[in-house]
PDB file of N, CA and C in Angstrom:
ATOM      1  N   UNK A   1       6.041   7.904 -20.589  1.00  0.00           N
ATOM      2  CA  UNK A   1       5.249   7.385 -20.793  1.00  0.00           C
ATOM      3  C   UNK A   1       5.022   6.713 -19.433  1.00  0.00           C
ATOM      4  N   UNK A   2       3.464   6.565 -19.131  1.00  0.00           N
ATOM      5  CA  UNK A   2       3.021   6.009 -17.669  1.00  0.00           C
ATOM      6  C   UNK A   2       3.605   4.317 -17.987  1.00  0.00           C
ATOM      7  N   UNK A   3       3.316   4.045 -16.688  1.00  0.00           N
ATOM      8  CA  UNK A   3       3.963   2.628 -16.066  1.00  0.00           C
ATOM      9  C   UNK A   3       2.813   1.431 -16.445  1.00  0.00           C
ATOM     10  N   UNK A   4       1.522   1.711 -16.533  1.00  0.00           N
ATOM     11  CA  UNK A   4       0.738   0.987 -16.094  1.00  0.00           C
ATOM     12  C   UNK A   4      -0.454   1.153 -17.325  1.00  0.00           C
ATOM     13  N   UNK A   5      -1.353   0.429 -17.238  1.00  0.00           N
ATOM     14  CA  UNK A   5      -2.524   0.519 -18.149  1.00  0.00           C
ATOM     15  C   UNK A   5      -3.307   0.535 -17.385  1.00  0.00           C
ATOM     16  N   UNK A   6      -3.883   1.825 -17.856  1.00  0.00           N
ATOM     17  CA  UNK A   6      -5.235   2.017 -17.231  1.00  0.00           C
ATOM     18  C   UNK A   6      -6.707   1.481 -17.458  1.00  0.00           C
ATOM     19  N   UNK A   7      -6.641   0.506 -18.669  1.00  0.00           N
ATOM     20  CA  UNK A   7      -7.792  -0.299 -18.779  1.00  0.00           C
ATOM     21  C   UNK A   7      -7.465  -1.380 -18.267  1.00  0.00           C
ATOM     22  N   UNK A   8      -6.729  -2.047 -18.099  1.00  0.00           N
ATOM     23  CA  UNK A   8      -5.945  -3.466 -17.418  1.00  0.00           C
ATOM     24  C   UNK A   8      -6.645  -4.059 -16.640  1.00  0.00           C
ATOM     25  N   UNK A   9      -7.143  -5.415 -16.254  1.00  0.00           N
ATOM     26  CA  UNK A   9      -7.353  -5.647 -15.179  1.00  0.00           C
ATOM     27  C   UNK A   9      -6.531  -6.789 -15.232  1.00  0.00           C
ATOM     28  N   UNK A  10      -6.669  -6.987 -13.765  1.00  0.00           N
ATOM     29  CA  UNK A  10      -5.354  -7.830 -13.031  1.00  0.00           C
ATOM     30  C   UNK A  10      -5.298  -8.897 -13.422  1.00  0.00           C
ATOM     31  N   UNK A  11      -4.313  -9.967 -13.806  1.00  0.00           N
ATOM     32  CA  UNK A  11      -4.081 -11.480 -14.236  1.00  0.00           C
ATOM     33  C   UNK A  11      -4.597 -11.832 -12.841  1.00  0.00           C
ATOM     34  N   UNK A  12      -5.966 -12.867 -13.430  1.00  0.00           N
ATOM     35  CA  UNK A  12      -6.090 -13.581 -12.163  1.00  0.00           C
ATOM     36  C   UNK A  12      -7.103 -12.699 -12.231  1.00  0.00           C
ATOM     37  N   UNK A  13      -8.130 -11.909 -12.202  1.00  0.00           N
ATOM     38  CA  UNK A  13      -8.836 -11.282 -11.982  1.00  0.00           C
ATOM     39  C   UNK A  13      -8.713 -10.609 -10.909  1.00  0.00           C
ATOM     40  N   UNK A  14      -7.682 -10.951  -9.921  1.00  0.00           N
ATOM     41  CA  UNK A  14      -7.252  -9.778  -8.838  1.00  0.00           C
ATOM     42  C   UNK A  14      -6.528  -8.982  -8.355  1.00  0.00           C
ATOM     43  N   UNK A  15      -6.068  -8.411  -7.580  1.00  0.00           N
ATOM     44  CA  UNK A  15      -5.346  -7.421  -7.121  1.00  0.00           C
ATOM     45  C   UNK A  15      -4.178  -7.935  -5.932  1.00  0.00           C
ATOM     46  N   UNK A  16      -2.542  -8.271  -6.263  1.00  0.00           N
ATOM     47  CA  UNK A  16      -2.004  -8.123  -5.176  1.00  0.00           C
ATOM     48  C   UNK A  16      -1.332  -7.483  -4.694  1.00  0.00           C
ATOM     49  N   UNK A  17       0.168  -7.108  -3.968  1.00  0.00           N
ATOM     50  CA  UNK A  17       1.024  -5.955  -3.039  1.00  0.00           C
ATOM     51  C   UNK A  17       1.633  -5.459  -4.668  1.00  0.00           C
ATOM     52  N   UNK A  18       2.198  -6.648  -5.589  1.00  0.00           N
ATOM     53  CA  UNK A  18       3.071  -6.020  -5.972  1.00  0.00           C
ATOM     54  C   UNK A  18       2.406  -5.497  -7.356  1.00  0.00           C
ATOM     55  N   UNK A  19       1.131  -5.275  -7.757  1.00  0.00           N
ATOM     56  CA  UNK A  19       0.258  -4.769  -8.793  1.00  0.00           C
ATOM     57  C   UNK A  19      -0.385  -2.728  -7.752  1.00  0.00           C
ATOM     58  N   UNK A  20      -0.652  -3.381  -6.596  1.00  0.00           N
ATOM     59  CA  UNK A  20      -0.859  -2.183  -5.960  1.00  0.00           C
ATOM     60  C   UNK A  20       0.259  -1.042  -5.204  1.00  0.00           C
ATOM     61  N   UNK A  21       1.407  -1.655  -5.723  1.00  0.00           N
ATOM     62  CA  UNK A  21       3.045  -1.342  -5.560  1.00  0.00           C
ATOM     63  C   UNK A  21       3.165  -0.445  -6.588  1.00  0.00           C
ATOM     64  N   UNK A  22       3.544  -1.407  -7.643  1.00  0.00           N
ATOM     65  CA  UNK A  22       3.795  -0.032  -9.298  1.00  0.00           C
ATOM     66  C   UNK A  22       2.897   0.821  -9.153  1.00  0.00           C
ATOM     67  N   UNK A  23       1.384   0.645  -9.233  1.00  0.00           N
ATOM     68  CA  UNK A  23       0.737   1.401  -8.879  1.00  0.00           C
ATOM     69  C   UNK A  23       0.669   3.110  -8.607  1.00  0.00           C
ATOM     70  N   UNK A  24       1.150   1.939  -7.199  1.00  0.00           N
ATOM     71  CA  UNK A  24       0.717   3.586  -6.756  1.00  0.00           C
ATOM     72  C   UNK A  24       2.118   4.226  -6.777  1.00  0.00           C
ATOM     73  N   UNK A  25       3.611   3.452  -6.814  1.00  0.00           N
ATOM     74  CA  UNK A  25       4.417   4.306  -7.318  1.00  0.00           C
ATOM     75  C   UNK A  25       4.474   4.825  -8.828  1.00  0.00           C
ATOM     76  N   UNK A  26       4.188   4.538  -9.630  1.00  0.00           N
ATOM     77  CA  UNK A  26       3.489   5.706 -10.441  1.00  0.00           C
ATOM     78  C   UNK A  26       2.806   6.815 -10.380  1.00  0.00           C
ATOM     79  N   UNK A  27       1.939   6.565  -9.434  1.00  0.00           N
ATOM     80  CA  UNK A  27       0.701   7.706  -9.034  1.00  0.00           C
ATOM     81  C   UNK A  27       1.503   9.148  -8.759  1.00  0.00           C
ATOM     82  N   UNK A  28       2.449   8.202  -7.482  1.00  0.00           N
ATOM     83  CA  UNK A  28       2.991   9.083  -6.829  1.00  0.00           C
ATOM     84  C   UNK A  28       4.306  10.286  -7.215  1.00  0.00           C
ATOM     85  N   UNK A  29       4.930   9.408  -8.519  1.00  0.00           N
ATOM     86  CA  UNK A  29       5.305  10.342  -9.216  1.00  0.00           C
ATOM     87  C   UNK A  29       5.206  11.455 -10.003  1.00  0.00           C
ATOM     88  N   UNK A  30       3.910  10.838 -10.779  1.00  0.00           N
ATOM     89  CA  UNK A  30       2.464  12.179 -11.273  1.00  0.00           C
ATOM     90  C   UNK A  30       2.871  13.140 -10.208  1.00  0.00           C
ATOM     91  N   UNK A  31       2.330  12.709  -9.106  1.00  0.00           N
ATOM     92  CA  UNK A  31       2.383  13.933  -7.830  1.00  0.00           C
ATOM     93  C   UNK A  31       2.861  14.539  -7.325  1.00  0.00           C
ATOM     94  N   UNK A  32       4.832  14.086  -7.652  1.00  0.00           N
ATOM     95  CA  UNK A  32       5.751  14.425  -7.559  1.00  0.00           C
ATOM     96  C   UNK A  32       5.844  14.063  -5.891  1.00  0.00           C
ATOM     97  N   UNK A  33       5.698  12.880  -6.425  1.00  0.00           N
ATOM     98  CA  UNK A  33       6.519  12.304  -5.078  1.00  0.00           C
ATOM     99  C   UNK A  33       7.411  11.707  -5.482  1.00  0.00           C
ATOM    100  N   UNK A  34       8.249  11.760  -6.079  1.00  0.00           N
ATOM    101  CA  UNK A  34       9.839  11.022  -6.524  1.00  0.00           C
ATOM    102  C   UNK A  34      10.201  10.607  -4.808  1.00  0.00           C
ATOM    103  N   UNK A  35      10.811   9.316  -4.531  1.00  0.00           N
ATOM    104  CA  UNK A  35      11.706   9.221  -3.549  1.00  0.00           C
ATOM    105  C   UNK A  35      10.983   8.983  -2.451  1.00  0.00           C
ATOM    106  N   UNK A  36       9.755   8.921  -2.865  1.00  0.00           N
ATOM    107  CA  UNK A  36       8.599   8.719  -1.915  1.00  0.00           C
ATOM    108  C   UNK A  36       8.984   7.053  -0.944  1.00  0.00           C
ATOM    109  N   UNK A  37       9.216   6.494   0.247  1.00  0.00           N
ATOM    110  CA  UNK A  37       9.169   4.676  -0.095  1.00  0.00           C
ATOM    111  C   UNK A  37       8.135   5.331   0.705  1.00  0.00           C
ATOM    112  N   UNK A  38       7.605   3.818   0.145  1.00  0.00           N
ATOM    113  CA  UNK A  38       6.078   3.077   0.020  1.00  0.00           C
ATOM    114  C   UNK A  38       6.258   1.485   1.113  1.00  0.00           C
ATOM    115  N   UNK A  39       5.097   1.408   2.260  1.00  0.00           N
ATOM    116  CA  UNK A  39       5.089   0.582   2.752  1.00  0.00           C
ATOM    117  C   UNK A  39       3.809  -0.077   2.153  1.00  0.00           C
ATOM    118  N   UNK A  40       3.535  -0.901   1.322  1.00  0.00           N
ATOM    119  CA  UNK A  40       2.192  -1.122   1.049  1.00  0.00           C
ATOM    120  C   UNK A  40       2.019  -2.992   1.757  1.00  0.00           C
ATOM    121  N   UNK A  41       0.275  -2.508   1.831  1.00  0.00           N
ATOM    122  CA  UNK A  41       0.465  -3.996   3.098  1.00  0.00           C
ATOM    123  C   UNK A  41      -1.753  -4.268   3.028  1.00  0.00           C
ATOM    124  N   UNK A  42      -2.129  -5.436   2.931  1.00  0.00           N
ATOM    125  CA  UNK A  42      -3.151  -5.972   2.928  1.00  0.00           C
ATOM    126  C   UNK A  42      -3.455  -5.202   4.572  1.00  0.00           C
ATOM    127  N   UNK A  43      -4.693  -5.017   3.709  1.00  0.00           N
ATOM    128  CA  UNK A  43      -5.487  -4.525   5.694  1.00  0.00           C
ATOM    129  C   UNK A  43      -6.664  -5.866   5.859  1.00  0.00           C
ATOM    130  N   UNK A  44      -6.724  -5.615   7.274  1.00  0.00           N
ATOM    131  CA  UNK A  44      -7.741  -6.797   7.474  1.00  0.00           C
ATOM    132  C   UNK A  44      -9.231  -7.060   6.669  1.00  0.00           C
ATOM    133  N   UNK A  45      -9.428  -6.092   6.501  1.00  0.00           N
ATOM    134  CA  UNK A  45     -10.684  -7.316   4.887  1.00  0.00           C
ATOM    135  C   UNK A  45      -9.849  -7.102   4.051  1.00  0.00           C
ATOM    136  N   UNK A  46     -10.195  -8.294   3.299  1.00  0.00           N
ATOM    137  CA  UNK A  46      -9.736  -8.597   1.928  1.00  0.00           C
ATOM    138  C   UNK A  46     -10.412  -7.542   0.623  1.00  0.00           C
ATOM    139  N   UNK A  47      -9.057  -7.773   0.458  1.00  0.00           N
ATOM    140  CA  UNK A  47      -9.726  -6.659  -1.006  1.00  0.00           C
ATOM    141  C   UNK A  47      -9.401  -5.193  -0.347  1.00  0.00           C
ATOM    142  N   UNK A  48      -8.569  -5.288   0.717  1.00  0.00           N
ATOM    143  CA  UNK A  48      -8.693  -3.859   1.009  1.00  0.00           C
ATOM    144  C   UNK A  48      -7.024  -3.255   1.176  1.00  0.00           C
ATOM    145  N   UNK A  49      -6.322  -2.435   1.306  1.00  0.00           N
ATOM    146  CA  UNK A  49      -4.972  -2.074   1.290  1.00  0.00           C
ATOM    147  C   UNK A  49      -4.629  -1.201   1.651  1.00  0.00           C
ATOM    148  N   UNK A  50      -3.626  -1.003   2.987  1.00  0.00           N
ATOM    149  CA  UNK A  50      -2.913   0.177   3.096  1.00  0.00           C
ATOM    150  C   UNK A  50      -1.413   0.466   2.542  1.00  0.00           C
ATOM    151  N   UNK A  51      -1.624   2.104   2.518  1.00  0.00           N
ATOM    152  CA  UNK A  51       0.102   2.573   1.836  1.00  0.00           C
ATOM    153  C   UNK A  51       0.118   3.096   2.798  1.00  0.00           C
ATOM    154  N   UNK A  52       1.440   3.464   3.665  1.00  0.00           N
ATOM    155  CA  UNK A  52       2.049   4.311   4.156  1.00  0.00           C
ATOM    156  C   UNK A  52       2.838   4.485   3.072  1.00  0.00           C
ATOM    157  N   UNK A  53       2.930   6.296   3.416  1.00  0.00           N
ATOM    158  CA  UNK A  53       4.369   6.481   2.670  1.00  0.00           C
ATOM    159  C   UNK A  53       4.604   7.774   3.649  1.00  0.00           C
ATOM    160  N   UNK A  54       6.467   7.510   3.375  1.00  0.00           N
ATOM    161  CA  UNK A  54       7.365   8.688   4.147  1.00  0.00           C
ATOM    162  C   UNK A  54       7.882   9.421   3.014  1.00  0.00           C
ATOM    163  N   UNK A  55       8.132  10.095   3.616  1.00  0.00           N
ATOM    164  CA  UNK A  55       9.331  11.075   2.416  1.00  0.00           C
ATOM    165  C   UNK A  55       8.790  11.959   1.090  1.00  0.00           C
ATOM    166  N   UNK A  56       7.256  12.362   1.726  1.00  0.00           N
ATOM    167  CA  UNK A  56       6.354  13.461   0.408  1.00  0.00           C
ATOM    168  C   UNK A  56       6.086  14.737   1.568  1.00  0.00           C
ATOM    169  N   UNK A  57       5.630  15.535   0.802  1.00  0.00           N
ATOM    170  CA  UNK A  57       4.602  16.381   1.836  1.00  0.00           C
ATOM    171  C   UNK A  57       2.931  15.932   1.616  1.00  0.00           C
ATOM    172  N   UNK A  58       3.242  14.637   1.346  1.00  0.00           N
ATOM    173  CA  UNK A  58       1.331  14.469   0.960  1.00  0.00           C
ATOM    174  C   UNK A  58       0.918  14.204   2.742  1.00  0.00           C
ATOM    175  N   UNK A  59      -0.084  12.909   2.348  1.00  0.00           N
ATOM    176  CA  UNK A  59      -0.424  12.129   3.295  1.00  0.00           C
ATOM    177  C   UNK A  59       0.651  11.436   3.867  1.00  0.00           C
ATOM    178  N   UNK A  60       0.751  10.407   4.914  1.00  0.00           N
ATOM    179  CA  UNK A  60       1.134   9.062   5.642  1.00  0.00           C
ATOM    180  C   UNK A  60       0.438   8.331   5.474  1.00  0.00           C
ATOM    181  N   UNK A  61      -0.384   8.123   5.346  1.00  0.00           N
ATOM    182  CA  UNK A  61      -1.474   6.570   4.805  1.00  0.00           C
ATOM    183  C   UNK A  61      -2.560   7.028   3.712  1.00  0.00           C
ATOM    184  N   UNK A  62      -2.845   5.885   3.335  1.00  0.00           N
ATOM    185  CA  UNK A  62      -4.290   6.156   1.954  1.00  0.00           C
ATOM    186  C   UNK A  62      -4.239   4.622   2.170  1.00  0.00           C
ATOM    187  N   UNK A  63      -5.941   4.618   2.012  1.00  0.00           N
ATOM    188  CA  UNK A  63      -6.151   3.236   2.243  1.00  0.00           C
ATOM    189  C   UNK A  63      -6.950   3.198   0.927  1.00  0.00           C
ATOM    190  N   UNK A  64      -6.900   2.040   0.304  1.00  0.00           N
ATOM    191  CA  UNK A  64      -8.061   1.453  -0.689  1.00  0.00           C
ATOM    192  C   UNK A  64      -8.790   0.291  -1.038  1.00  0.00           C
ATOM    193  N   UNK A  65      -9.360   0.222  -2.118  1.00  0.00           N
ATOM    194  CA  UNK A  65     -10.071  -0.912  -1.835  1.00  0.00           C
ATOM    195  C   UNK A  65      -9.688  -1.249  -3.762  1.00  0.00           C
ATOM    196  N   UNK A  66      -9.752  -2.339  -3.712  1.00  0.00           N
ATOM    197  CA  UNK A  66      -9.672  -3.387  -5.260  1.00  0.00           C
ATOM    198  C   UNK A  66      -9.651  -4.271  -4.721  1.00  0.00           C
ATOM    199  N   UNK A  67     -10.085  -5.890  -5.424  1.00  0.00           N
ATOM    200  CA  UNK A  67     -10.333  -6.674  -5.892  1.00  0.00           C
ATOM    201  C   UNK A  67     -10.641  -7.517  -7.470  1.00  0.00           C
ATOM    202  N   UNK A  68     -11.257  -8.765  -7.138  1.00  0.00           N
ATOM    203  CA  UNK A  68     -11.429  -9.022  -8.423  1.00  0.00           C
ATOM    204  C   UNK A  68     -12.166  -7.635  -9.495  1.00  0.00           C
ATOM    205  N   UNK A  69     -11.376  -7.937 -10.682  1.00  0.00           N
ATOM    206  CA  UNK A  69     -12.361  -7.021 -11.885  1.00  0.00           C
ATOM    207  C   UNK A  69     -12.047  -5.396 -11.694  1.00  0.00           C
ATOM    208  N   UNK A  70     -10.843  -5.614 -10.332  1.00  0.00           N
ATOM    209  CA  UNK A  70     -10.579  -4.117  -9.987  1.00  0.00           C
ATOM    210  C   UNK A  70      -9.734  -3.666 -11.873  1.00  0.00           C
ATOM    211  N   UNK A  71      -9.459  -1.969 -11.935  1.00  0.00           N
ATOM    212  CA  UNK A  71      -8.908  -1.965 -13.396  1.00  0.00           C
ATOM    213  C   UNK A  71      -7.210  -1.273 -12.627  1.00  0.00           C
ATOM    214  N   UNK A  72      -6.354  -1.433 -13.279  1.00  0.00           N
ATOM    215  CA  UNK A  72      -4.950  -0.139 -12.306  1.00  0.00           C
ATOM    216  C   UNK A  72      -5.781   1.213 -12.293  1.00  0.00           C
ATOM    217  N   UNK A  73      -6.501   1.363 -13.934  1.00  0.00           N
ATOM    218  CA  UNK A  73      -6.629   3.131 -13.414  1.00  0.00           C
ATOM    219  C   UNK A  73      -7.914   3.158 -12.297  1.00  0.00           C
ATOM    220  N   UNK A  74      -8.520   2.342 -11.457  1.00  0.00           N
ATOM    221  CA  UNK A  74      -9.610   2.386 -10.642  1.00  0.00           C
ATOM    222  C   UNK A  74      -8.187   2.492  -9.477  1.00  0.00           C
ATOM    223  N   UNK A  75      -7.984   1.657  -9.080  1.00  0.00           N
ATOM    224  CA  UNK A  75      -6.881   2.085  -8.090  1.00  0.00           C
ATOM    225  C   UNK A  75      -5.639   3.259  -8.317  1.00  0.00           C
ATOM    226  N   UNK A  76      -5.791   4.100  -8.833  1.00  0.00           N
ATOM    227  CA  UNK A  76      -4.904   5.055  -9.262  1.00  0.00           C
ATOM    228  C   UNK A  76      -6.073   6.683  -9.353  1.00  0.00           C
ATOM    229  N   UNK A  77      -7.012   5.845  -9.451  1.00  0.00           N
ATOM    230  CA  UNK A  77      -7.583   7.271  -8.950  1.00  0.00           C
ATOM    231  C   UNK A  77      -8.274   7.200  -7.631  1.00  0.00           C
ATOM    232  N   UNK A  78      -8.101   5.946  -6.876  1.00  0.00           N
ATOM    233  CA  UNK A  78      -8.241   6.026  -5.161  1.00  0.00           C
ATOM    234  C   UNK A  78      -7.287   6.609  -5.057  1.00  0.00           C
ATOM    235  N   UNK A  79      -5.999   6.348  -5.347  1.00  0.00           N
ATOM    236  CA  UNK A  79      -4.737   7.043  -4.842  1.00  0.00           C
ATOM    237  C   UNK A  79      -4.591   8.420  -4.694  1.00  0.00           C
ATOM    238  N   UNK A  80      -5.450   8.975  -5.950  1.00  0.00           N
ATOM    239  CA  UNK A  80      -5.162  10.224  -6.784  1.00  0.00           C
ATOM    240  C   UNK A  80      -5.324  11.106  -6.171  1.00  0.00           C
ATOM    241  N   UNK A  81      -7.244  10.764  -5.527  1.00  0.00           N
ATOM    242  CA  UNK A  81      -8.040  11.315  -4.977  1.00  0.00           C
ATOM    243  C   UNK A  81      -7.462  11.556  -3.666  1.00  0.00           C
ATOM    244  N   UNK A  82      -7.570  10.913  -2.755  1.00  0.00           N
ATOM    245  CA  UNK A  82      -6.756  10.115  -1.400  1.00  0.00           C
ATOM    246  C   UNK A  82      -5.594  11.542  -1.241  1.00  0.00           C
ATOM    247  N   UNK A  83      -4.700  11.129  -2.356  1.00  0.00           N
ATOM    248  CA  UNK A  83      -3.489  12.282  -1.967  1.00  0.00           C
ATOM    249  C   UNK A  83      -3.881  13.769  -1.986  1.00  0.00           C
ATOM    250  N   UNK A  84      -4.231  14.032  -3.117  1.00  0.00           N
ATOM    251  CA  UNK A  84      -4.667  15.601  -3.216  1.00  0.00           C
ATOM    252  C   UNK A  84      -5.865  15.769  -2.986  1.00  0.00           C
ATOM    253  N   UNK A  85      -6.743  15.205  -2.133  1.00  0.00           N
ATOM    254  CA  UNK A  85      -7.776  15.582  -0.938  1.00  0.00           C
ATOM    255  C   UNK A  85      -6.966  15.337   0.711  1.00  0.00           C
ATOM    256  N   UNK A  86      -5.580  14.865   0.787  1.00  0.00           N
ATOM    257  CA  UNK A  86      -5.337  15.203   2.378  1.00  0.00           C
ATOM    258  C   UNK A  86      -4.188  15.677   2.127  1.00  0.00           C
ATOM    259  N   UNK A  87      -3.642  16.721   1.060  1.00  0.00           N
ATOM    260  CA  UNK A  87      -2.557  17.542   0.692  1.00  0.00           C
ATOM    261  C   UNK A  87      -2.842  18.867   1.414  1.00  0.00           C
TER     262      UNK A  87
END
């Protein structure tokens, strides 16, 4: 069972750090990154997030865009595509 709903939009129409972390953890688990240590931080520009990853054989940093009206599926897709492209 997945920990996120792919078609859900975020409460209040915006994405917060907790949302990004929850989706990133679930996506990395799907990609075999069990036990990875994540640090999530909002980037300089609004709606952009940095995900630092330690403990996997994949990339050490991902950058995603998500703002008002973004879905969990959109966030997941960006993480999945970047992770697989850099691995």
